[in-house]
Every structure is written in C-alpha cells, then in structure tokens.
Amino acid sequence: MTATFDVHDGPSDAETVLLSSGLGGAAGYWTPQIDALRQRYRIVAYDQAGTGRTGGTLAADHSIAAMADEAAGVLDASGTAAAHFVGHALGGLVGLALAQRRSDRLRSLTVVNGWAAAHAHTRRCFDVRLALLEHEGPAAYVKAQPIFLYPADWLARNELRAAHEEKHGLAAFQGAGNLKARIGALLAFDVRPGLGTIKLPTFIVATRDDVLVPSAMSEELAAGIPGARLHMAPWGAHAFNVTEPAAFNALLLDFLSCH
C-alpha cells in the first residue's frame, strides 16, 4: 500500500523536497514550511503507514527500514526520481535509513532533532509516555504531548493553539497498537555502524532546549557523517520548525540552495 501524499507544485522544473514527519506521522505537521518552500521547490508530504489518511494496522515489529521503503514508494508514486529529504525526529531516521538503502533517490538529507541511536534520556521519556497511554489512555497521552514538543514559554503564549492541537490529536489518534509499534521502531533504530557510509550533502538541525532529544544526539549524528553541516539553535525545543518557522525555513532554504 502506498502512503497517501500531497504534492505542492513549485516553479516549472523545480527539484522536489520530500517531507517526512515524526511520531505523529502526518503531512500536516509541515504546514509552516509549505509556502516558503514552494516558492523554489516542488513539495511532496505524506501520511506514514498507520497514521492519518494512510491508516492501516502496523505489525508489532514495524521498523524504520520498512518506513524507508515506504518513503521510496512515495517517490515512485509521485513520479519523483530523486528528492531532497527533510525529516523530523522519526522522519529523520527514515531519511538516514533511506540514505543507506537507496542513496540514488536522494539529492540531500536534512534531519531535524534526530539521532543515530536513542539516548537513555529519550528512552525514559518514551517509557513515561507509554505508561500514560497504558494506564490513563489516549486522552492523557495526547494532553502530555506538547510538553515534549514545545518550550514552556511558547506553550504559555499559545494555550488556545495547544488546546486545538490536543482536540485534533485525540480525534486523529493513530491507535495504541500502531503508536507502540512506531515507538518500538524508533527505539530499536541504530545507524551508528553505518554513518560513515552516508555520502550525501547532510544538514543536521537541533535545539539546545529539546526536552525529548538531547542536543548531544545531533552532535553525535553530525560528527559521524562525513561533511555534515550542523546548526544548533538555542531555543525552539523539539518542534523547532513549528515554534520558529521563519528561522527554520531560512536555514533550510540556505542549505538546499547549496545543493
């Protein structure tokens, strides 16, 4: 099954940027980037298997490798020979796996708050989130989610937006089984032995105040990929492209314009 995807056309003959979301999996996560990117690029964004419009029931042993194959399928279905890949968190892991499995399909790779292997702190965070899901249910899980995504001061200023996202997140909840399979996949992922084989132009973007993914994980990732470029923002937390869209868009466009 091919994932459901959206194509946002850019200028004639523009190169394509493929956007891959994090644990939520939905194309809509990238809304703050679409208008800025489509001025120069054709954009493809998709709902990952088990989420959003794609839906479906995932196997318990679902993997990042399977998600990389899915991303390649989206490229095929959208008529894209090769694309600049931009992934957030789990989506970044998908890009790393695709870079190792099918580097011919990628022009460049951007990973936002991602990792080569999950940090002990990140594992603790997911343990807490899974415990909430198991013992309190989806409503509690979704309510806690913004704590791991956004800076506290940003949340305080955007209370109505957070409430809207909570309502939408619960209505579109991917299901406990799918969520557990996707978390299991990202925690099992370990690309450290093969980082040196990634030869694509690579941009690693991270934030110092990310509660879920310590910035040291991005530093390790950038150090392991030959020639990788690293940008470490002081503020913006895990969803940096949402909390600081103008700054993120400028960084991404600058990188893409070089490749």
C-alpha atoms as a PDB file:
ATOM      1  CA  MET A   1       0.000   0.000   0.000  1.00  0.00           C
ATOM      2  CA  THR A   2       1.350   3.420  -0.975  1.00  0.00           C
ATOM      3  CA  ALA A   3       1.033   6.148   1.625  1.00  0.00           C
ATOM      4  CA  THR A   4      -1.396   8.995   0.977  1.00  0.00           C
ATOM      5  CA  PHE A   5       0.586  12.050  -0.084  1.00  0.00           C
ATOM      6  CA  ASP A   6       0.136  15.677  -1.132  1.00  0.00           C
ATOM      7  CA  VAL A   7       2.015  17.414  -3.942  1.00  0.00           C
ATOM      8  CA  HIS A   8       2.507  21.180  -3.755  1.00  0.00           C
ATOM      9  CA  ASP A   9       3.771  22.325  -7.131  1.00  0.00           C
ATOM     10  CA  GLY A  10       6.549  24.882  -7.291  1.00  0.00           C
ATOM     11  CA  PRO A  11       8.184  26.614 -10.248  1.00  0.00           C
ATOM     12  CA  SER A  12       8.382  24.737 -13.535  1.00  0.00           C
ATOM     13  CA  ASP A  13      11.118  22.071 -13.476  1.00  0.00           C
ATOM     14  CA  ALA A  14      11.756  22.675  -9.752  1.00  0.00           C
ATOM     15  CA  GLU A  15      13.545  19.994  -7.761  1.00  0.00           C
ATOM     16  CA  THR A  16      11.434  18.073  -5.241  1.00  0.00           C
ATOM     17  CA  VAL A  17      11.614  18.195  -1.452  1.00  0.00           C
ATOM     18  CA  LEU A  18      10.144  15.157   0.344  1.00  0.00           C
ATOM     19  CA  LEU A  19       8.908  15.948   3.872  1.00  0.00           C
ATOM     20  CA  SER A  20       8.713  13.143   6.434  1.00  0.00           C
ATOM     21  CA  SER A  21       7.094  13.769   9.824  1.00  0.00           C
ATOM     22  CA  GLY A  22       7.979  12.489  13.274  1.00  0.00           C
ATOM     23  CA  LEU A  23       5.968  10.192  15.518  1.00  0.00           C
ATOM     24  CA  GLY A  24       2.654  11.836  14.611  1.00  0.00           C
ATOM     25  CA  GLY A  25       3.306  10.798  11.026  1.00  0.00           C
ATOM     26  CA  ALA A  26       1.002  13.295   9.307  1.00  0.00           C
ATOM     27  CA  ALA A  27       1.863  15.527   6.349  1.00  0.00           C
ATOM     28  CA  GLY A  28       0.101  18.429   8.061  1.00  0.00           C
ATOM     29  CA  TYR A  29       2.969  18.757  10.542  1.00  0.00           C
ATOM     30  CA  TRP A  30       4.895  20.637   7.819  1.00  0.00           C
ATOM     31  CA  THR A  31       2.263  23.330   7.212  1.00  0.00           C
ATOM     32  CA  PRO A  32       4.611  26.116   8.467  1.00  0.00           C
ATOM     33  CA  GLN A  33       7.112  25.180   5.736  1.00  0.00           C
ATOM     34  CA  ILE A  34       4.935  24.704   2.638  1.00  0.00           C
ATOM     35  CA  ASP A  35       4.503  28.289   1.434  1.00  0.00           C
ATOM     36  CA  ALA A  36       8.165  29.176   1.922  1.00  0.00           C
ATOM     37  CA  LEU A  37       9.487  26.047   0.222  1.00  0.00           C
ATOM     38  CA  ARG A  38       7.133  26.004  -2.747  1.00  0.00           C
ATOM     39  CA  GLN A  39       8.474  29.350  -3.933  1.00  0.00           C
ATOM     40  CA  ARG A  40      11.536  27.415  -5.122  1.00  0.00           C
ATOM     41  CA  TYR A  41      10.690  23.699  -4.920  1.00  0.00           C
ATOM     42  CA  ARG A  42       8.039  21.099  -5.645  1.00  0.00           C
ATOM     43  CA  ILE A  43       6.916  19.657  -2.302  1.00  0.00           C
ATOM     44  CA  VAL A  44       5.738  16.130  -1.503  1.00  0.00           C
ATOM     45  CA  ALA A  45       4.460  15.405   2.021  1.00  0.00           C
ATOM     46  CA  TYR A  46       2.841  12.164   3.116  1.00  0.00           C
ATOM     47  CA  ASP A  47       0.946  10.447   5.935  1.00  0.00           C
ATOM     48  CA  GLN A  48       3.010   7.492   7.124  1.00  0.00           C
ATOM     49  CA  ALA A  49       1.562   3.987   7.383  1.00  0.00           C
ATOM     50  CA  GLY A  50      -0.592   3.620  10.474  1.00  0.00           C
ATOM     51  CA  THR A  51      -1.304   7.354  10.683  1.00  0.00           C
ATOM     52  CA  GLY A  52      -3.591   9.988   9.212  1.00  0.00           C
ATOM     53  CA  ARG A  53      -5.257   9.291   5.862  1.00  0.00           C
ATOM     54  CA  THR A  54      -2.990   6.311   5.117  1.00  0.00           C
ATOM     55  CA  GLY A  55      -4.082   4.430   8.252  1.00  0.00           C
ATOM     56  CA  GLY A  56      -3.845   0.653   8.468  1.00  0.00           C
ATOM     57  CA  THR A  57      -2.723  -1.654  11.242  1.00  0.00           C
ATOM     58  CA  LEU A  58       1.019  -1.995  11.770  1.00  0.00           C
ATOM     59  CA  ALA A  59       2.832  -5.178  12.719  1.00  0.00           C
ATOM     60  CA  ALA A  60       4.362  -5.165  16.179  1.00  0.00           C
ATOM     61  CA  ASP A  61       7.810  -5.491  14.584  1.00  0.00           C
ATOM     62  CA  HIS A  62       7.343  -2.475  12.302  1.00  0.00           C
ATOM     63  CA  SER A  63      10.727  -0.925  11.533  1.00  0.00           C
ATOM     64  CA  ILE A  64      12.472   2.189  10.302  1.00  0.00           C
ATOM     65  CA  ALA A  65      13.666   0.118   7.325  1.00  0.00           C
ATOM     66  CA  ALA A  66      10.031  -0.524   6.384  1.00  0.00           C
ATOM     67  CA  MET A  67       9.347   3.201   6.696  1.00  0.00           C
ATOM     68  CA  ALA A  68      12.301   3.918   4.378  1.00  0.00           C
ATOM     69  CA  ASP A  69      10.826   1.550   1.804  1.00  0.00           C
ATOM     70  CA  GLU A  70       7.523   3.374   2.206  1.00  0.00           C
ATOM     71  CA  ALA A  71       9.233   6.718   1.519  1.00  0.00           C
ATOM     72  CA  ALA A  72      10.791   5.264  -1.633  1.00  0.00           C
ATOM     73  CA  GLY A  73       7.298   4.145  -2.636  1.00  0.00           C
ATOM     74  CA  VAL A  74       6.030   7.718  -2.227  1.00  0.00           C
ATOM     75  CA  LEU A  75       8.810   8.913  -4.526  1.00  0.00           C
ATOM     76  CA  ASP A  76       7.742   6.327  -7.102  1.00  0.00           C
ATOM     77  CA  ALA A  77       4.055   7.129  -6.829  1.00  0.00           C
ATOM     78  CA  SER A  78       4.649  10.888  -7.080  1.00  0.00           C
ATOM     79  CA  GLY A  79       6.842  10.482 -10.156  1.00  0.00           C
ATOM     80  CA  THR A  80       9.969  11.664  -8.369  1.00  0.00           C
ATOM     81  CA  ALA A  81      13.310  10.248  -9.467  1.00  0.00           C
ATOM     82  CA  ALA A  82      15.255  11.874  -6.620  1.00  0.00           C
ATOM     83  CA  ALA A  83      14.427  14.385  -3.888  1.00  0.00           C
ATOM     84  CA  HIS A  84      15.879  16.465  -1.123  1.00  0.00           C
ATOM     85  CA  PHE A  85      14.743  14.612   2.008  1.00  0.00           C
ATOM     86  CA  VAL A  86      13.728  16.568   5.126  1.00  0.00           C
ATOM     87  CA  GLY A  87      12.755  14.535   8.197  1.00  0.00           C
ATOM     88  CA  HIS A  88      11.786  15.478  11.725  1.00  0.00           C
ATOM     89  CA  ALA A  89      12.799  13.102  14.565  1.00  0.00           C
ATOM     90  CA  LEU A  90      11.430   9.687  13.486  1.00  0.00           C
ATOM     91  CA  GLY A  91      11.155  11.109   9.978  1.00  0.00           C
ATOM     92  CA  GLY A  92      14.845  11.928  10.124  1.00  0.00           C
ATOM     93  CA  LEU A  93      15.616   8.319  10.981  1.00  0.00           C
ATOM     94  CA  VAL A  94      13.655   7.315   7.896  1.00  0.00           C
ATOM     95  CA  GLY A  95      15.882   9.609   5.857  1.00  0.00           C
ATOM     96  CA  LEU A  96      19.033   8.111   7.360  1.00  0.00           C
ATOM     97  CA  ALA A  97      17.821   4.599   6.537  1.00  0.00           C
ATOM     98  CA  LEU A  98      16.857   5.625   3.004  1.00  0.00           C
ATOM     99  CA  ALA A  99      20.255   7.280   2.509  1.00  0.00           C
ATOM    100  CA  GLN A 100      21.884   3.946   3.315  1.00  0.00           C
ATOM    101  CA  ARG A 101      19.461   1.779   1.340  1.00  0.00           C
ATOM    102  CA  ARG A 102      18.756   3.954  -1.739  1.00  0.00           C
ATOM    103  CA  SER A 103      21.103   6.938  -1.823  1.00  0.00           C
ATOM    104  CA  ASP A 104      20.395   7.262  -5.553  1.00  0.00           C
ATOM    105  CA  ARG A 105      16.892   8.513  -4.689  1.00  0.00           C
ATOM    106  CA  LEU A 106      18.173  11.438  -2.594  1.00  0.00           C
ATOM    107  CA  ARG A 107      19.830  14.732  -3.534  1.00  0.00           C
ATOM    108  CA  SER A 108      20.428  15.761   0.077  1.00  0.00           C
ATOM    109  CA  LEU A 109      19.363  14.863   3.616  1.00  0.00           C
ATOM    110  CA  THR A 110      18.142  17.153   6.406  1.00  0.00           C
ATOM    111  CA  VAL A 111      17.495  15.688   9.872  1.00  0.00           C
ATOM    112  CA  VAL A 112      15.730  17.837  12.480  1.00  0.00           C
ATOM    113  CA  ASN A 113      16.213  16.809  16.119  1.00  0.00           C
ATOM    114  CA  GLY A 114      17.069  13.243  15.180  1.00  0.00           C
ATOM    115  CA  TRP A 115      19.639  10.705  16.329  1.00  0.00           C
ATOM    116  CA  ALA A 116      21.878   7.819  15.334  1.00  0.00           C
ATOM    117  CA  ALA A 117      20.748   5.746  18.333  1.00  0.00           C
ATOM    118  CA  ALA A 118      18.284   6.620  21.081  1.00  0.00           C
ATOM    119  CA  HIS A 119      19.724   8.298  24.186  1.00  0.00           C
ATOM    120  CA  ALA A 120      18.904   6.892  27.647  1.00  0.00           C
ATOM    121  CA  HIS A 121      17.025  10.105  28.430  1.00  0.00           C
ATOM    122  CA  THR A 122      14.902   9.754  25.287  1.00  0.00           C
ATOM    123  CA  ARG A 123      14.093   6.180  26.242  1.00  0.00           C
ATOM    124  CA  ARG A 124      12.975   7.389  29.682  1.00  0.00           C
ATOM    125  CA  CYS A 125      10.686   9.964  28.058  1.00  0.00           C
ATOM    126  CA  PHE A 126       9.062   7.331  25.878  1.00  0.00           C
ATOM    127  CA  ASP A 127       8.704   4.994  28.872  1.00  0.00           C
ATOM    128  CA  VAL A 128       6.705   7.726  30.605  1.00  0.00           C
ATOM    129  CA  ARG A 129       4.593   8.403  27.540  1.00  0.00           C
ATOM    130  CA  LEU A 130       3.840   4.717  27.040  1.00  0.00           C
ATOM    131  CA  ALA A 131       2.914   4.379  30.727  1.00  0.00           C
ATOM    132  CA  LEU A 132       0.460   7.252  30.308  1.00  0.00           C
ATOM    133  CA  LEU A 133      -1.040   5.550  27.289  1.00  0.00           C
ATOM    134  CA  GLU A 134      -1.253   2.178  29.032  1.00  0.00           C
ATOM    135  CA  HIS A 135      -2.673   3.307  32.355  1.00  0.00           C
ATOM    136  CA  GLU A 136      -4.503   6.575  31.601  1.00  0.00           C
ATOM    137  CA  GLY A 137      -5.432   6.178  27.931  1.00  0.00           C
ATOM    138  CA  PRO A 138      -5.107   8.208  24.715  1.00  0.00           C
ATOM    139  CA  ALA A 139      -6.535  11.425  26.179  1.00  0.00           C
ATOM    140  CA  ALA A 140      -3.774  11.644  28.793  1.00  0.00           C
ATOM    141  CA  TYR A 141      -1.117  10.705  26.232  1.00  0.00           C
ATOM    142  CA  VAL A 142      -2.246  13.430  23.827  1.00  0.00           C
ATOM    143  CA  LYS A 143      -2.560  16.022  26.602  1.00  0.00           C
ATOM    144  CA  ALA A 144       1.042  15.403  27.688  1.00  0.00           C
ATOM    145  CA  GLN A 145       2.447  15.516  24.157  1.00  0.00           C
ATOM    146  CA  PRO A 146       3.029  19.317  23.955  1.00  0.00           C
ATOM    147  CA  ILE A 147       5.349  19.104  26.981  1.00  0.00           C
ATOM    148  CA  PHE A 148       7.784  17.104  24.851  1.00  0.00           C
ATOM    149  CA  LEU A 149       7.357  19.243  21.722  1.00  0.00           C
ATOM    150  CA  TYR A 150       7.369  22.895  22.721  1.00  0.00           C
ATOM    151  CA  PRO A 151       9.192  25.333  25.051  1.00  0.00           C
ATOM    152  CA  ALA A 152       7.243  26.121  28.216  1.00  0.00           C
ATOM    153  CA  ASP A 153       7.074  29.848  27.461  1.00  0.00           C
ATOM    154  CA  TRP A 154       5.852  29.171  23.920  1.00  0.00           C
ATOM    155  CA  LEU A 155       3.125  26.894  25.281  1.00  0.00           C
ATOM    156  CA  ALA A 156       2.024  29.558  27.745  1.00  0.00           C
ATOM    157  CA  ARG A 157       1.685  32.078  24.899  1.00  0.00           C
ATOM    158  CA  ASN A 158      -0.111  29.606  22.636  1.00  0.00           C
ATOM    159  CA  GLU A 159      -2.596  27.978  25.007  1.00  0.00           C
ATOM    160  CA  LEU A 160      -5.517  28.114  22.553  1.00  0.00           C
ATOM    161  CA  ARG A 161      -3.419  26.601  19.780  1.00  0.00           C
ATOM    162  CA  ALA A 162      -2.278  23.809  22.098  1.00  0.00           C
ATOM    163  CA  ALA A 163      -5.882  23.105  23.068  1.00  0.00           C
ATOM    164  CA  HIS A 164      -6.849  22.907  19.378  1.00  0.00           C
ATOM    165  CA  GLU A 165      -3.948  20.554  18.656  1.00  0.00           C
ATOM    166  CA  GLU A 166      -4.964  18.380  21.608  1.00  0.00           C
ATOM    167  CA  LYS A 167      -8.527  18.094  20.302  1.00  0.00           C
ATOM    168  CA  HIS A 168      -7.323  17.287  16.791  1.00  0.00           C
ATOM    169  CA  GLY A 169      -4.676  14.855  18.069  1.00  0.00           C
ATOM    170  CA  LEU A 170      -7.260  12.866  20.000  1.00  0.00           C
ATOM    171  CA  ALA A 171      -9.704  12.805  17.074  1.00  0.00           C
ATOM    172  CA  ALA A 172      -6.954  11.581  14.717  1.00  0.00           C
ATOM    173  CA  PHE A 173      -5.227   9.300  17.228  1.00  0.00           C
ATOM    174  CA  GLN A 174      -3.359   6.561  15.357  1.00  0.00           C
ATOM    175  CA  GLY A 175      -4.276   3.839  17.861  1.00  0.00           C
ATOM    176  CA  ALA A 176      -2.353   2.385  20.778  1.00  0.00           C
ATOM    177  CA  GLY A 177      -1.081  -0.604  18.811  1.00  0.00           C
ATOM    178  CA  ASN A 178       0.270   1.489  15.940  1.00  0.00           C
ATOM    179  CA  LEU A 179       1.820   4.012  18.315  1.00  0.00           C
ATOM    180  CA  LYS A 180       3.596   1.289  20.298  1.00  0.00           C
ATOM    181  CA  ALA A 181       4.908  -0.263  17.070  1.00  0.00           C
ATOM    182  CA  ARG A 182       6.230   3.084  15.846  1.00  0.00           C
ATOM    183  CA  ILE A 183       7.877   3.899  19.179  1.00  0.00           C
ATOM    184  CA  GLY A 184       9.407   0.418  19.232  1.00  0.00           C
ATOM    185  CA  ALA A 185      10.811   1.032  15.749  1.00  0.00           C
ATOM    186  CA  LEU A 186      12.448   4.344  16.609  1.00  0.00           C
ATOM    187  CA  LEU A 187      13.928   2.994  19.848  1.00  0.00           C
ATOM    188  CA  ALA A 188      15.357  -0.058  18.070  1.00  0.00           C
ATOM    189  CA  PHE A 189      16.971   2.017  15.322  1.00  0.00           C
ATOM    190  CA  ASP A 190      20.770   2.254  15.475  1.00  0.00           C
ATOM    191  CA  VAL A 191      22.593   3.639  12.457  1.00  0.00           C
ATOM    192  CA  ARG A 192      25.918   4.297  14.193  1.00  0.00           C
ATOM    193  CA  PRO A 193      27.866   1.475  12.460  1.00  0.00           C
ATOM    194  CA  GLY A 194      26.940   2.801   9.024  1.00  0.00           C
ATOM    195  CA  LEU A 195      27.047   6.566   9.486  1.00  0.00           C
ATOM    196  CA  GLY A 196      30.346   6.894   7.677  1.00  0.00           C
ATOM    197  CA  THR A 197      28.853   5.379   4.525  1.00  0.00           C
ATOM    198  CA  ILE A 198      26.426   8.285   4.056  1.00  0.00           C
ATOM    199  CA  LYS A 199      27.977  10.481   1.369  1.00  0.00           C
ATOM    200  CA  LEU A 200      25.039  12.797   0.677  1.00  0.00           C
ATOM    201  CA  PRO A 201      25.086  16.504   1.492  1.00  0.00           C
ATOM    202  CA  THR A 202      23.651  16.376   5.018  1.00  0.00           C
ATOM    203  CA  PHE A 203      22.237  19.078   7.303  1.00  0.00           C
ATOM    204  CA  ILE A 204      21.616  18.345  10.987  1.00  0.00           C
ATOM    205  CA  VAL A 205      19.359  20.845  12.783  1.00  0.00           C
ATOM    206  CA  ALA A 206      18.864  20.705  16.546  1.00  0.00           C
ATOM    207  CA  THR A 207      17.932  22.819  19.561  1.00  0.00           C
ATOM    208  CA  ARG A 208      19.632  23.131  22.923  1.00  0.00           C
ATOM    209  CA  ASP A 209      16.325  23.089  24.819  1.00  0.00           C
ATOM    210  CA  ASP A 210      14.818  19.927  23.295  1.00  0.00           C
ATOM    211  CA  VAL A 211      13.335  18.027  26.261  1.00  0.00           C
ATOM    212  CA  LEU A 212      12.826  14.802  24.311  1.00  0.00           C
ATOM    213  CA  VAL A 213      16.020  14.536  22.257  1.00  0.00           C
ATOM    214  CA  PRO A 214      19.175  15.882  23.954  1.00  0.00           C
ATOM    215  CA  SER A 215      21.201  18.064  21.600  1.00  0.00           C
ATOM    216  CA  ALA A 216      24.249  15.839  22.122  1.00  0.00           C
ATOM    217  CA  MET A 217      22.493  13.225  19.987  1.00  0.00           C
ATOM    218  CA  SER A 218      22.503  15.581  17.000  1.00  0.00           C
ATOM    219  CA  GLU A 219      26.126  16.460  17.643  1.00  0.00           C
ATOM    220  CA  GLU A 220      26.988  12.751  17.575  1.00  0.00           C
ATOM    221  CA  LEU A 221      24.994  12.305  14.390  1.00  0.00           C
ATOM    222  CA  ALA A 222      26.698  15.201  12.618  1.00  0.00           C
ATOM    223  CA  ALA A 223      30.152  14.063  13.743  1.00  0.00           C
ATOM    224  CA  GLY A 224      29.586  10.611  12.240  1.00  0.00           C
ATOM    225  CA  ILE A 225      28.504  11.705   8.749  1.00  0.00           C
ATOM    226  CA  PRO A 226      31.353  12.905   6.519  1.00  0.00           C
ATOM    227  CA  GLY A 227      30.981  16.613   5.733  1.00  0.00           C
ATOM    228  CA  ALA A 228      27.679  17.020   7.592  1.00  0.00           C
ATOM    229  CA  ARG A 229      26.640  20.565   8.455  1.00  0.00           C
ATOM    230  CA  LEU A 230      25.286  21.163  11.983  1.00  0.00           C
ATOM    231  CA  HIS A 231      23.112  24.040  13.196  1.00  0.00           C
ATOM    232  CA  MET A 232      22.357  24.210  16.914  1.00  0.00           C
ATOM    233  CA  ALA A 233      19.620  26.700  17.809  1.00  0.00           C
ATOM    234  CA  PRO A 234      19.471  27.962  21.405  1.00  0.00           C
ATOM    235  CA  TRP A 235      15.646  27.861  21.642  1.00  0.00           C
ATOM    236  CA  GLY A 236      12.671  26.225  19.953  1.00  0.00           C
ATOM    237  CA  ALA A 237      12.525  22.754  21.541  1.00  0.00           C
ATOM    238  CA  HIS A 238      11.660  19.537  19.719  1.00  0.00           C
ATOM    239  CA  ALA A 239       9.259  21.089  17.188  1.00  0.00           C
ATOM    240  CA  PHE A 240      11.688  23.847  16.163  1.00  0.00           C
ATOM    241  CA  ASN A 241      10.191  24.144  12.685  1.00  0.00           C
ATOM    242  CA  VAL A 242       6.824  24.967  14.300  1.00  0.00           C
ATOM    243  CA  THR A 243       7.963  27.275  17.094  1.00  0.00           C
ATOM    244  CA  GLU A 244      10.497  29.179  14.945  1.00  0.00           C
ATOM    245  CA  PRO A 245       9.236  28.672  11.380  1.00  0.00           C
ATOM    246  CA  ALA A 246      10.836  31.745   9.820  1.00  0.00           C
ATOM    247  CA  ALA A 247      14.272  30.924  11.232  1.00  0.00           C
ATOM    248  CA  PHE A 248      13.948  27.246  10.299  1.00  0.00           C
ATOM    249  CA  ASN A 249      12.739  27.974   6.782  1.00  0.00           C
ATOM    250  CA  ALA A 250      15.632  30.363   6.169  1.00  0.00           C
ATOM    251  CA  LEU A 251      18.146  27.769   7.392  1.00  0.00           C
ATOM    252  CA  LEU A 252      16.640  25.024   5.252  1.00  0.00           C
ATOM    253  CA  LEU A 253      16.413  27.136   2.106  1.00  0.00           C
ATOM    254  CA  ASP A 254      20.007  28.264   2.538  1.00  0.00           C
ATOM    255  CA  PHE A 255      21.183  24.659   2.781  1.00  0.00           C
ATOM    256  CA  LEU A 256      19.082  23.449  -0.139  1.00  0.00           C
ATOM    257  CA  SER A 257      20.273  26.288  -2.357  1.00  0.00           C
ATOM    258  CA  CYS A 258      23.843  24.999  -1.952  1.00  0.00           C
ATOM    259  CA  HIS A 259      22.921  21.504  -3.186  1.00  0.00           C
END
